[in-house]
C-alpha atoms as a PDB file:
ATOM      1  CA  MET A   1     108.987 112.978 106.091  1.00  0.00           C
ATOM      2  CA  LYS A   2     109.630 113.835 102.533  1.00  0.00           C
ATOM      3  CA  ASP A   3     108.518 116.975 100.898  1.00  0.00           C
ATOM      4  CA  GLY A   4     106.933 116.956  97.494  1.00  0.00           C
ATOM      5  CA  GLU A   5     103.715 116.040  95.771  1.00  0.00           C
ATOM      6  CA  TYR A   6     102.155 112.602  95.485  1.00  0.00           C
ATOM      7  CA  LYS A   7     102.343 110.970  92.126  1.00  0.00           C
ATOM      8  CA  THR A   8     100.089 108.051  91.071  1.00  0.00           C
ATOM      9  CA  VAL A   9     102.064 104.874  90.291  1.00  0.00           C
ATOM     10  CA  ALA A  10      99.026 102.296  89.962  1.00  0.00           C
ATOM     11  CA  ARG A  11      95.277 102.183  89.894  1.00  0.00           C
ATOM     12  CA  TYR A  12      93.468  99.174  91.135  1.00  0.00           C
ATOM     13  CA  ALA A  13      89.525  97.857  91.190  1.00  0.00           C
ATOM     14  CA  ASP A  14      89.847  96.624  94.571  1.00  0.00           C
ATOM     15  CA  ALA A  15      91.607  97.611  98.030  1.00  0.00           C
ATOM     16  CA  VAL A  16      93.229  94.267  98.576  1.00  0.00           C
ATOM     17  CA  SER A  17      95.404  94.570  95.453  1.00  0.00           C
ATOM     18  CA  ALA A  18      96.239  98.121  96.353  1.00  0.00           C
ATOM     19  CA  HIS A  19      97.402  97.258  99.763  1.00  0.00           C
ATOM     20  CA  ILE A  20      99.473  94.283  98.626  1.00  0.00           C
ATOM     21  CA  ALA A  21     101.283  96.671  96.192  1.00  0.00           C
ATOM     22  CA  GLU A  22     101.594  99.329  99.207  1.00  0.00           C
ATOM     23  CA  GLY A  23     102.987  96.754 101.493  1.00  0.00           C
ATOM     24  CA  MET A  24     105.708  95.756  98.625  1.00  0.00           C
ATOM     25  CA  LEU A  25     106.837  99.325  98.291  1.00  0.00           C
ATOM     26  CA  LEU A  26     106.817 100.043 102.039  1.00  0.00           C
ATOM     27  CA  GLU A  27     108.958  96.801 102.636  1.00  0.00           C
ATOM     28  CA  ASN A  28     111.294  98.104 100.024  1.00  0.00           C
ATOM     29  CA  GLY A  29     111.834 101.539 101.901  1.00  0.00           C
ATOM     30  CA  ILE A  30     109.305 103.497  99.577  1.00  0.00           C
ATOM     31  CA  PRO A  31     106.714 105.309 101.520  1.00  0.00           C
ATOM     32  CA  ALA A  32     103.191 104.741  99.738  1.00  0.00           C
ATOM     33  CA  VAL A  33      99.605 105.688 100.333  1.00  0.00           C
ATOM     34  CA  VAL A  34      96.524 104.166  99.130  1.00  0.00           C
ATOM     35  CA  PHE A  35      93.901 106.794  97.958  1.00  0.00           C
ATOM     36  CA  GLY A  36      90.291 106.491  97.169  1.00  0.00           C
ATOM     37  CA  GLU A  37      89.169 103.666  99.493  1.00  0.00           C
ATOM     38  CA  VAL A  38      85.946 104.433 100.783  1.00  0.00           C
ATOM     39  CA  SER A  39      84.865 101.465 102.807  1.00  0.00           C
ATOM     40  CA  SER A  40      86.066  98.206 104.039  1.00  0.00           C
ATOM     41  CA  TYR A  41      82.937  96.703 102.486  1.00  0.00           C
ATOM     42  CA  PRO A  42      84.000  96.357  98.908  1.00  0.00           C
ATOM     43  CA  SER A  43      80.150  96.602  97.681  1.00  0.00           C
ATOM     44  CA  LEU A  44      80.009 100.046  99.163  1.00  0.00           C
ATOM     45  CA  ASN A  45      83.057 101.454  97.092  1.00  0.00           C
ATOM     46  CA  VAL A  46      81.719 103.508  94.247  1.00  0.00           C
ATOM     47  CA  MET A  47      84.997 105.054  93.228  1.00  0.00           C
ATOM     48  CA  ASP A  48      86.257 104.469  89.679  1.00  0.00           C
ATOM     49  CA  SER A  49      89.467 103.310  91.091  1.00  0.00           C
ATOM     50  CA  ILE A  50      91.701 103.037  94.035  1.00  0.00           C
ATOM     51  CA  GLU A  51      95.070 104.731  93.456  1.00  0.00           C
ATOM     52  CA  LEU A  52      98.548 103.824  94.919  1.00  0.00           C
ATOM     53  CA  LYS A  53     100.742 107.050  95.340  1.00  0.00           C
ATOM     54  CA  VAL A  54     104.306 107.945  96.205  1.00  0.00           C
ATOM     55  CA  PHE A  55     106.300 110.898  96.447  1.00  0.00           C
ATOM     56  CA  GLU A  56     107.532 112.332  93.273  1.00  0.00           C
ATOM     57  CA  ALA A  57     111.265 111.704  94.273  1.00  0.00           C
ATOM     58  CA  ASP A  58     110.228 107.988  94.514  1.00  0.00           C
ATOM     59  CA  TYR A  59     108.176 107.709  91.620  1.00  0.00           C
ATOM     60  CA  ASP A  60     110.696 105.940  89.045  1.00  0.00           C
ATOM     61  CA  ALA A  61     111.900 103.553  91.862  1.00  0.00           C
ATOM     62  CA  ALA A  62     108.145 102.661  92.735  1.00  0.00           C
ATOM     63  CA  MET A  63     107.307 102.157  88.800  1.00  0.00           C
ATOM     64  CA  ALA A  64     110.485  99.691  88.506  1.00  0.00           C
ATOM     65  CA  LEU A  65     109.751  97.644  91.587  1.00  0.00           C
ATOM     66  CA  LEU A  66     105.872  97.406  90.516  1.00  0.00           C
ATOM     67  CA  ALA A  67     107.106  96.237  87.128  1.00  0.00           C
ATOM     68  CA  THR A  68     109.409  93.462  88.445  1.00  0.00           C
ATOM     69  CA  PRO A  69     107.704  90.042  88.443  1.00  0.00           C
ATOM     70  CA  PRO A  70     107.044  88.334  91.628  1.00  0.00           C
ATOM     71  CA  THR A  71     109.223  85.479  92.521  1.00  0.00           C
ATOM     72  CA  ASP A  72     108.527  82.464  94.418  1.00  0.00           C
ATOM     73  CA  SER A  73     110.015  82.548  97.678  1.00  0.00           C
ATOM     74  CA  SER A  74     108.385  79.495  99.287  1.00  0.00           C
ATOM     75  CA  PRO A  75     110.702  76.691 100.287  1.00  0.00           C
ATOM     76  CA  GLU A  76     110.875  73.867  98.061  1.00  0.00           C
ATOM     77  CA  GLU A  77     108.988  70.842  99.097  1.00  0.00           C
ATOM     78  CA  SER A  78     111.245  67.928 100.247  1.00  0.00           C
ATOM     79  CA  SER A  79     110.473  64.329  99.700  1.00  0.00           C
ATOM     80  CA  LEU A  80     110.085  62.059 102.327  1.00  0.00           C
END
């Protein structure tokens, strides 16, 4: 486990978006945590935003990765 403080890399209005970004960071070796998620029922969440945080040492790499536009990794359709 890394030492240091957590730093917010992004804020989201919904938990689904936050967890998608968290998964992307985790898949790329950057430990990430979602903060501010109150309930699995979105209508019960009264927080202003849900925050995605990483360790300070990973902040720059996480910001660069989150700024990278997604690529289409689906296989091309083949014609029959």
